[in-house]
Amino acid sequence: MPLLSESPLCPICLSQIEDAIHMMVSCPMKKETWKAGQAMLLKPIVNPLLIWQVITFQSLPRSNKELQASIPDLITYGRILQVIWSCHWQVVFDQATWSHANAMNRLRNSECYRKNVEGEEGRKEVQTTD
């Protein structure tokens, strides 16, 4: 178990004070993971700070219909957040170096990836064999 850090700096970029926003979305290394993760999961690239507003419930659709329509995107953002969270703590507890490739591999091995990317191809294959 690591000792509590004496430094308030982000353990990933080592250049900015780490607060909740920096830890999840504004660290330059994590911004790249957010953008690459959205692209990998076939989602439009949204600024990670806007995603922060959504995942902290500062900005959600007002109508039930709009909210229901946004659920697939929220699931995608949640999966990317889960990958970033686990990779962050791997750096802290295992004293590892942040690895964008590791984060992308974790995302690629996720159910979210299979549903968003492989699922589309799988459905097409099933439709053509019937």
N, C-alpha and C. Protein backbone atom coordinates (compact mmCIF):
# COMPACT_ATOMS: atom_id res chain seq x y z
N MET A 1 0.85 -1.17 0.00
CA MET A 1 0.00 0.00 0.00
C MET A 1 0.89 1.23 0.00
N PRO A 2 0.68 2.16 -0.94
CA PRO A 2 1.55 3.34 -0.98
C PRO A 2 1.27 4.27 0.19
N LEU A 3 2.29 5.02 0.54
CA LEU A 3 2.11 6.05 1.56
C LEU A 3 1.30 7.18 0.95
N LEU A 4 0.62 7.95 1.79
CA LEU A 4 -0.10 9.10 1.28
C LEU A 4 0.90 10.03 0.60
N SER A 5 0.52 10.54 -0.53
CA SER A 5 1.42 11.40 -1.29
C SER A 5 1.62 12.73 -0.57
N GLU A 6 2.83 13.16 -0.56
CA GLU A 6 3.16 14.47 0.01
C GLU A 6 2.85 15.56 -1.00
N SER A 7 2.75 15.19 -2.25
CA SER A 7 2.56 16.17 -3.31
C SER A 7 1.08 16.25 -3.72
N PRO A 8 0.59 17.46 -3.92
CA PRO A 8 -0.78 17.61 -4.41
C PRO A 8 -0.88 17.44 -5.94
N LEU A 9 0.28 17.20 -6.59
CA LEU A 9 0.29 17.08 -8.04
C LEU A 9 -0.30 15.76 -8.51
N CYS A 10 -0.88 15.80 -9.67
CA CYS A 10 -1.42 14.59 -10.32
C CYS A 10 -0.29 13.57 -10.48
N PRO A 11 -0.51 12.32 -10.08
CA PRO A 11 0.53 11.30 -10.22
C PRO A 11 0.74 10.85 -11.67
N ILE A 12 -0.15 11.27 -12.56
CA ILE A 12 -0.05 10.88 -13.97
C ILE A 12 0.79 11.90 -14.76
N CYS A 13 0.34 13.16 -14.74
CA CYS A 13 1.03 14.19 -15.54
C CYS A 13 2.08 14.96 -14.74
N LEU A 14 1.98 14.90 -13.42
CA LEU A 14 2.93 15.57 -12.52
C LEU A 14 3.08 17.07 -12.77
N SER A 15 2.05 17.68 -13.36
CA SER A 15 2.18 19.10 -13.67
C SER A 15 1.07 19.97 -13.11
N GLN A 16 -0.03 19.37 -12.67
CA GLN A 16 -1.15 20.16 -12.16
C GLN A 16 -1.64 19.57 -10.85
N ILE A 17 -2.21 20.43 -10.02
CA ILE A 17 -2.80 19.95 -8.78
C ILE A 17 -3.98 19.06 -9.11
N GLU A 18 -4.04 17.93 -8.44
CA GLU A 18 -5.10 16.97 -8.73
C GLU A 18 -6.33 17.23 -7.87
N ASP A 19 -7.41 17.60 -8.55
CA ASP A 19 -8.71 17.66 -7.90
C ASP A 19 -9.59 16.66 -8.64
N ALA A 20 -10.85 16.58 -8.29
CA ALA A 20 -11.73 15.56 -8.89
C ALA A 20 -11.84 15.72 -10.40
N ILE A 21 -11.97 16.95 -10.88
CA ILE A 21 -12.09 17.17 -12.33
C ILE A 21 -10.81 16.77 -13.04
N HIS A 22 -9.68 17.18 -12.48
CA HIS A 22 -8.40 16.82 -13.11
C HIS A 22 -8.22 15.30 -13.10
N MET A 23 -8.56 14.67 -11.98
CA MET A 23 -8.37 13.22 -11.85
C MET A 23 -9.17 12.45 -12.91
N MET A 24 -10.37 12.91 -13.20
CA MET A 24 -11.24 12.16 -14.10
C MET A 24 -11.20 12.60 -15.56
N VAL A 25 -11.08 13.90 -15.82
CA VAL A 25 -11.24 14.32 -17.22
C VAL A 25 -10.22 15.34 -17.74
N SER A 26 -9.62 16.16 -16.89
CA SER A 26 -8.81 17.24 -17.47
C SER A 26 -7.31 16.98 -17.48
N CYS A 27 -6.85 15.89 -16.88
CA CYS A 27 -5.44 15.52 -17.01
C CYS A 27 -5.18 15.27 -18.51
N PRO A 28 -4.13 15.85 -19.06
CA PRO A 28 -3.88 15.68 -20.51
C PRO A 28 -3.83 14.22 -20.96
N MET A 29 -3.28 13.35 -20.14
CA MET A 29 -3.19 11.93 -20.51
C MET A 29 -4.59 11.30 -20.55
N LYS A 30 -5.44 11.69 -19.62
CA LYS A 30 -6.78 11.13 -19.56
C LYS A 30 -7.68 11.72 -20.62
N LYS A 31 -7.45 12.99 -20.99
CA LYS A 31 -8.22 13.60 -22.09
C LYS A 31 -8.03 12.79 -23.35
N GLU A 32 -6.80 12.37 -23.60
CA GLU A 32 -6.53 11.55 -24.79
C GLU A 32 -7.26 10.23 -24.71
N THR A 33 -7.33 9.65 -23.52
CA THR A 33 -8.04 8.38 -23.35
C THR A 33 -9.54 8.58 -23.58
N TRP A 34 -10.10 9.68 -23.07
CA TRP A 34 -11.52 9.98 -23.32
C TRP A 34 -11.79 10.08 -24.81
N LYS A 35 -10.97 10.84 -25.51
CA LYS A 35 -11.21 11.04 -26.95
C LYS A 35 -11.03 9.74 -27.73
N ALA A 36 -9.96 9.01 -27.45
CA ALA A 36 -9.71 7.76 -28.16
C ALA A 36 -10.78 6.72 -27.81
N GLY A 37 -11.21 6.71 -26.56
CA GLY A 37 -12.25 5.77 -26.14
C GLY A 37 -13.58 6.01 -26.85
N GLN A 38 -13.94 7.27 -26.97
CA GLN A 38 -15.18 7.59 -27.69
C GLN A 38 -15.09 7.16 -29.15
N ALA A 39 -13.94 7.42 -29.76
CA ALA A 39 -13.76 7.03 -31.16
C ALA A 39 -13.80 5.51 -31.30
N MET A 40 -13.13 4.81 -30.39
CA MET A 40 -13.10 3.35 -30.43
C MET A 40 -14.50 2.77 -30.30
N LEU A 41 -15.33 3.39 -29.47
CA LEU A 41 -16.69 2.90 -29.25
C LEU A 41 -17.70 3.50 -30.21
N LEU A 42 -17.19 4.10 -31.27
CA LEU A 42 -18.02 4.63 -32.37
C LEU A 42 -18.99 5.72 -31.90
N LYS A 43 -18.53 6.56 -31.01
CA LYS A 43 -19.33 7.68 -30.51
C LYS A 43 -18.73 8.99 -30.99
N PRO A 44 -19.56 10.01 -31.19
CA PRO A 44 -19.01 11.32 -31.54
C PRO A 44 -18.07 11.80 -30.43
N ILE A 45 -17.00 12.48 -30.80
CA ILE A 45 -16.04 12.97 -29.82
C ILE A 45 -16.63 14.18 -29.11
N VAL A 46 -16.81 14.05 -27.80
CA VAL A 46 -17.35 15.10 -26.96
C VAL A 46 -16.24 15.55 -26.02
N ASN A 47 -16.15 16.84 -25.78
CA ASN A 47 -15.16 17.39 -24.86
C ASN A 47 -15.32 16.71 -23.50
N PRO A 48 -14.23 16.20 -22.92
CA PRO A 48 -14.33 15.53 -21.62
C PRO A 48 -14.93 16.41 -20.52
N LEU A 49 -14.77 17.72 -20.59
CA LEU A 49 -15.37 18.58 -19.57
C LEU A 49 -16.90 18.57 -19.66
N LEU A 50 -17.44 18.42 -20.87
CA LEU A 50 -18.89 18.27 -21.01
C LEU A 50 -19.34 16.92 -20.45
N ILE A 51 -18.53 15.90 -20.65
CA ILE A 51 -18.85 14.59 -20.10
C ILE A 51 -18.85 14.68 -18.57
N TRP A 52 -17.91 15.43 -18.00
CA TRP A 52 -17.87 15.61 -16.55
C TRP A 52 -19.19 16.19 -16.05
N GLN A 53 -19.71 17.16 -16.78
CA GLN A 53 -20.99 17.75 -16.37
C GLN A 53 -22.11 16.72 -16.38
N VAL A 54 -22.07 15.82 -17.34
CA VAL A 54 -23.11 14.79 -17.43
C VAL A 54 -22.94 13.75 -16.32
N ILE A 55 -21.73 13.26 -16.13
CA ILE A 55 -21.56 12.18 -15.14
C ILE A 55 -21.67 12.68 -13.70
N THR A 56 -21.61 14.00 -13.50
CA THR A 56 -21.83 14.55 -12.16
C THR A 56 -23.22 15.17 -12.06
N PHE A 57 -24.06 14.87 -13.04
CA PHE A 57 -25.47 15.27 -13.06
C PHE A 57 -25.67 16.79 -13.07
N GLN A 58 -24.69 17.53 -13.59
CA GLN A 58 -24.84 18.98 -13.74
C GLN A 58 -25.60 19.31 -15.01
N SER A 59 -25.58 18.38 -15.96
CA SER A 59 -26.23 18.62 -17.24
C SER A 59 -26.80 17.31 -17.76
N LEU A 60 -28.09 17.17 -17.68
CA LEU A 60 -28.78 15.99 -18.22
C LEU A 60 -29.99 16.46 -19.02
N PRO A 61 -30.42 15.65 -19.97
CA PRO A 61 -31.63 16.02 -20.70
C PRO A 61 -32.80 16.22 -19.73
N ARG A 62 -33.66 17.16 -20.07
CA ARG A 62 -34.77 17.51 -19.16
C ARG A 62 -35.98 16.59 -19.32
N SER A 63 -36.24 16.16 -20.52
CA SER A 63 -37.43 15.32 -20.70
C SER A 63 -37.06 13.84 -20.55
N ASN A 64 -38.03 13.04 -20.16
CA ASN A 64 -37.82 11.62 -20.01
C ASN A 64 -37.42 10.98 -21.34
N LYS A 65 -38.03 11.43 -22.43
CA LYS A 65 -37.72 10.88 -23.75
C LYS A 65 -36.25 11.14 -24.11
N GLU A 66 -35.78 12.37 -23.88
CA GLU A 66 -34.38 12.71 -24.17
C GLU A 66 -33.44 11.93 -23.26
N LEU A 67 -33.83 11.78 -22.01
CA LEU A 67 -33.01 11.03 -21.06
C LEU A 67 -32.89 9.58 -21.50
N GLN A 68 -34.00 8.97 -21.88
CA GLN A 68 -33.97 7.58 -22.35
C GLN A 68 -33.08 7.43 -23.59
N ALA A 69 -33.15 8.41 -24.47
CA ALA A 69 -32.33 8.37 -25.69
C ALA A 69 -30.84 8.51 -25.38
N SER A 70 -30.51 9.15 -24.26
CA SER A 70 -29.09 9.38 -23.93
C SER A 70 -28.47 8.23 -23.14
N ILE A 71 -29.25 7.24 -22.74
CA ILE A 71 -28.74 6.14 -21.91
C ILE A 71 -27.58 5.40 -22.58
N PRO A 72 -27.63 5.05 -23.86
CA PRO A 72 -26.47 4.36 -24.46
C PRO A 72 -25.17 5.19 -24.36
N ASP A 73 -25.27 6.49 -24.54
CA ASP A 73 -24.08 7.33 -24.41
C ASP A 73 -23.60 7.36 -22.97
N LEU A 74 -24.52 7.43 -22.01
CA LEU A 74 -24.15 7.43 -20.60
C LEU A 74 -23.44 6.13 -20.22
N ILE A 75 -23.90 5.03 -20.76
CA ILE A 75 -23.25 3.74 -20.51
C ILE A 75 -21.84 3.75 -21.08
N THR A 76 -21.68 4.29 -22.28
CA THR A 76 -20.36 4.39 -22.89
C THR A 76 -19.43 5.24 -22.03
N TYR A 77 -19.91 6.42 -21.61
CA TYR A 77 -19.08 7.29 -20.78
C TYR A 77 -18.73 6.61 -19.46
N GLY A 78 -19.68 5.87 -18.91
CA GLY A 78 -19.42 5.15 -17.66
C GLY A 78 -18.33 4.11 -17.83
N ARG A 79 -18.33 3.42 -18.96
CA ARG A 79 -17.30 2.40 -19.20
C ARG A 79 -15.93 3.05 -19.37
N ILE A 80 -15.86 4.15 -20.10
CA ILE A 80 -14.58 4.84 -20.26
C ILE A 80 -14.10 5.34 -18.90
N LEU A 81 -15.00 5.88 -18.11
CA LEU A 81 -14.66 6.35 -16.77
C LEU A 81 -14.13 5.20 -15.92
N GLN A 82 -14.75 4.04 -16.02
CA GLN A 82 -14.31 2.88 -15.25
C GLN A 82 -12.87 2.49 -15.63
N VAL A 83 -12.56 2.53 -16.91
CA VAL A 83 -11.21 2.21 -17.38
C VAL A 83 -10.22 3.25 -16.85
N ILE A 84 -10.56 4.52 -16.97
CA ILE A 84 -9.67 5.58 -16.49
C ILE A 84 -9.45 5.44 -14.98
N TRP A 85 -10.53 5.17 -14.25
CA TRP A 85 -10.45 5.02 -12.79
C TRP A 85 -9.50 3.87 -12.44
N SER A 86 -9.67 2.72 -13.05
CA SER A 86 -8.83 1.57 -12.70
C SER A 86 -7.38 1.80 -13.11
N CYS A 87 -7.15 2.42 -14.26
CA CYS A 87 -5.78 2.71 -14.68
C CYS A 87 -5.13 3.75 -13.77
N HIS A 88 -5.91 4.72 -13.32
CA HIS A 88 -5.38 5.73 -12.40
C HIS A 88 -4.88 5.07 -11.12
N TRP A 89 -5.71 4.20 -10.54
CA TRP A 89 -5.32 3.58 -9.29
C TRP A 89 -4.21 2.56 -9.48
N GLN A 90 -4.07 2.01 -10.66
CA GLN A 90 -2.93 1.14 -10.95
C GLN A 90 -1.64 1.94 -10.86
N VAL A 91 -1.67 3.17 -11.36
CA VAL A 91 -0.50 4.05 -11.25
C VAL A 91 -0.19 4.34 -9.78
N VAL A 92 -1.22 4.68 -9.03
CA VAL A 92 -1.02 5.06 -7.62
C VAL A 92 -0.57 3.87 -6.77
N PHE A 93 -1.31 2.76 -6.83
CA PHE A 93 -1.03 1.65 -5.92
C PHE A 93 0.11 0.74 -6.39
N ASP A 94 0.22 0.54 -7.69
CA ASP A 94 1.27 -0.34 -8.20
C ASP A 94 2.51 0.43 -8.64
N GLN A 95 2.46 1.73 -8.49
CA GLN A 95 3.54 2.62 -8.92
C GLN A 95 3.93 2.36 -10.37
N ALA A 96 2.90 2.13 -11.17
CA ALA A 96 3.09 1.91 -12.61
C ALA A 96 3.12 3.26 -13.33
N THR A 97 3.46 3.23 -14.57
CA THR A 97 3.42 4.41 -15.42
C THR A 97 2.10 4.39 -16.18
N TRP A 98 1.49 5.56 -16.36
CA TRP A 98 0.24 5.63 -17.13
C TRP A 98 0.49 5.09 -18.52
N SER A 99 -0.38 4.22 -18.96
CA SER A 99 -0.25 3.63 -20.29
C SER A 99 -1.55 3.80 -21.05
N HIS A 100 -1.50 4.65 -22.07
CA HIS A 100 -2.67 4.85 -22.92
C HIS A 100 -3.03 3.52 -23.60
N ALA A 101 -2.02 2.76 -24.01
CA ALA A 101 -2.26 1.47 -24.67
C ALA A 101 -2.97 0.51 -23.71
N ASN A 102 -2.57 0.49 -22.45
CA ASN A 102 -3.23 -0.36 -21.46
C ASN A 102 -4.70 0.03 -21.31
N ALA A 103 -4.96 1.32 -21.23
CA ALA A 103 -6.35 1.79 -21.11
C ALA A 103 -7.17 1.37 -22.32
N MET A 104 -6.61 1.53 -23.51
CA MET A 104 -7.34 1.16 -24.72
C MET A 104 -7.56 -0.35 -24.80
N ASN A 105 -6.59 -1.14 -24.35
CA ASN A 105 -6.77 -2.59 -24.33
C ASN A 105 -7.88 -3.00 -23.36
N ARG A 106 -7.94 -2.35 -22.20
CA ARG A 106 -9.01 -2.65 -21.25
C ARG A 106 -10.38 -2.32 -21.86
N LEU A 107 -10.43 -1.19 -22.55
CA LEU A 107 -11.69 -0.80 -23.18
C LEU A 107 -12.05 -1.77 -24.30
N ARG A 108 -11.06 -2.17 -25.07
CA ARG A 108 -11.28 -3.10 -26.19
C ARG A 108 -11.78 -4.46 -25.68
N ASN A 109 -11.38 -4.84 -24.49
CA ASN A 109 -11.79 -6.12 -23.91
C ASN A 109 -13.10 -6.04 -23.14
N SER A 110 -13.77 -4.91 -23.21
CA SER A 110 -14.99 -4.71 -22.43
C SER A 110 -16.24 -5.15 -23.18
N GLU A 111 -17.28 -5.41 -22.42
CA GLU A 111 -18.57 -5.75 -23.01
C GLU A 111 -19.11 -4.57 -23.83
N CYS A 112 -18.83 -3.37 -23.36
CA CYS A 112 -19.29 -2.17 -24.07
C CYS A 112 -18.70 -2.14 -25.49
N TYR A 113 -17.44 -2.52 -25.63
CA TYR A 113 -16.81 -2.57 -26.94
C TYR A 113 -17.49 -3.64 -27.81
N ARG A 114 -17.71 -4.79 -27.21
CA ARG A 114 -18.35 -5.87 -27.99
C ARG A 114 -19.73 -5.47 -28.47
N LYS A 115 -20.49 -4.77 -27.62
CA LYS A 115 -21.83 -4.35 -28.03
C LYS A 115 -21.80 -3.23 -29.05
N ASN A 116 -20.94 -2.23 -28.84
CA ASN A 116 -20.92 -1.06 -29.72
C ASN A 116 -20.24 -1.33 -31.05
N VAL A 117 -19.18 -2.10 -31.03
CA VAL A 117 -18.38 -2.28 -32.25
C VAL A 117 -18.59 -3.65 -32.85
N GLU A 118 -18.25 -4.68 -32.12
CA GLU A 118 -18.38 -6.03 -32.65
C GLU A 118 -19.83 -6.43 -32.81
N GLY A 119 -20.69 -5.93 -31.96
CA GLY A 119 -22.12 -6.27 -32.01
C GLY A 119 -22.76 -5.87 -33.31
N GLU A 120 -22.37 -4.72 -33.84
CA GLU A 120 -22.93 -4.27 -35.12
C GLU A 120 -22.56 -5.24 -36.23
N GLU A 121 -21.30 -5.66 -36.28
CA GLU A 121 -20.88 -6.60 -37.31
C GLU A 121 -21.53 -7.96 -37.10
N GLY A 122 -21.62 -8.38 -35.84
CA GLY A 122 -22.24 -9.66 -35.53
C GLY A 122 -23.69 -9.71 -35.96
N ARG A 123 -24.43 -8.62 -35.74
CA ARG A 123 -25.83 -8.57 -36.16
C ARG A 123 -25.94 -8.65 -37.67
N LYS A 124 -25.03 -7.99 -38.39
CA LYS A 124 -25.07 -8.03 -39.85
C LYS A 124 -24.83 -9.44 -40.35
N GLU A 125 -23.86 -10.14 -39.72
CA GLU A 125 -23.57 -11.50 -40.13
C GLU A 125 -24.77 -12.41 -39.89
N VAL A 126 -25.43 -12.26 -38.77
CA VAL A 126 -26.61 -13.09 -38.47
C VAL A 126 -27.71 -12.81 -39.47
N GLN A 127 -27.91 -11.56 -39.84
CA GLN A 127 -28.95 -11.21 -40.78
C GLN A 127 -28.69 -11.77 -42.17
N THR A 128 -27.43 -11.83 -42.58
CA THR A 128 -27.12 -12.31 -43.92
C THR A 128 -27.19 -13.83 -44.01
N THR A 129 -27.06 -14.54 -42.87
CA THR A 129 -27.09 -16.00 -42.93
C THR A 129 -28.49 -16.57 -42.83
N ASP A 130 -29.47 -15.76 -42.46
CA ASP A 130 -30.84 -16.27 -42.34
C ASP A 130 -31.48 -16.54 -43.68
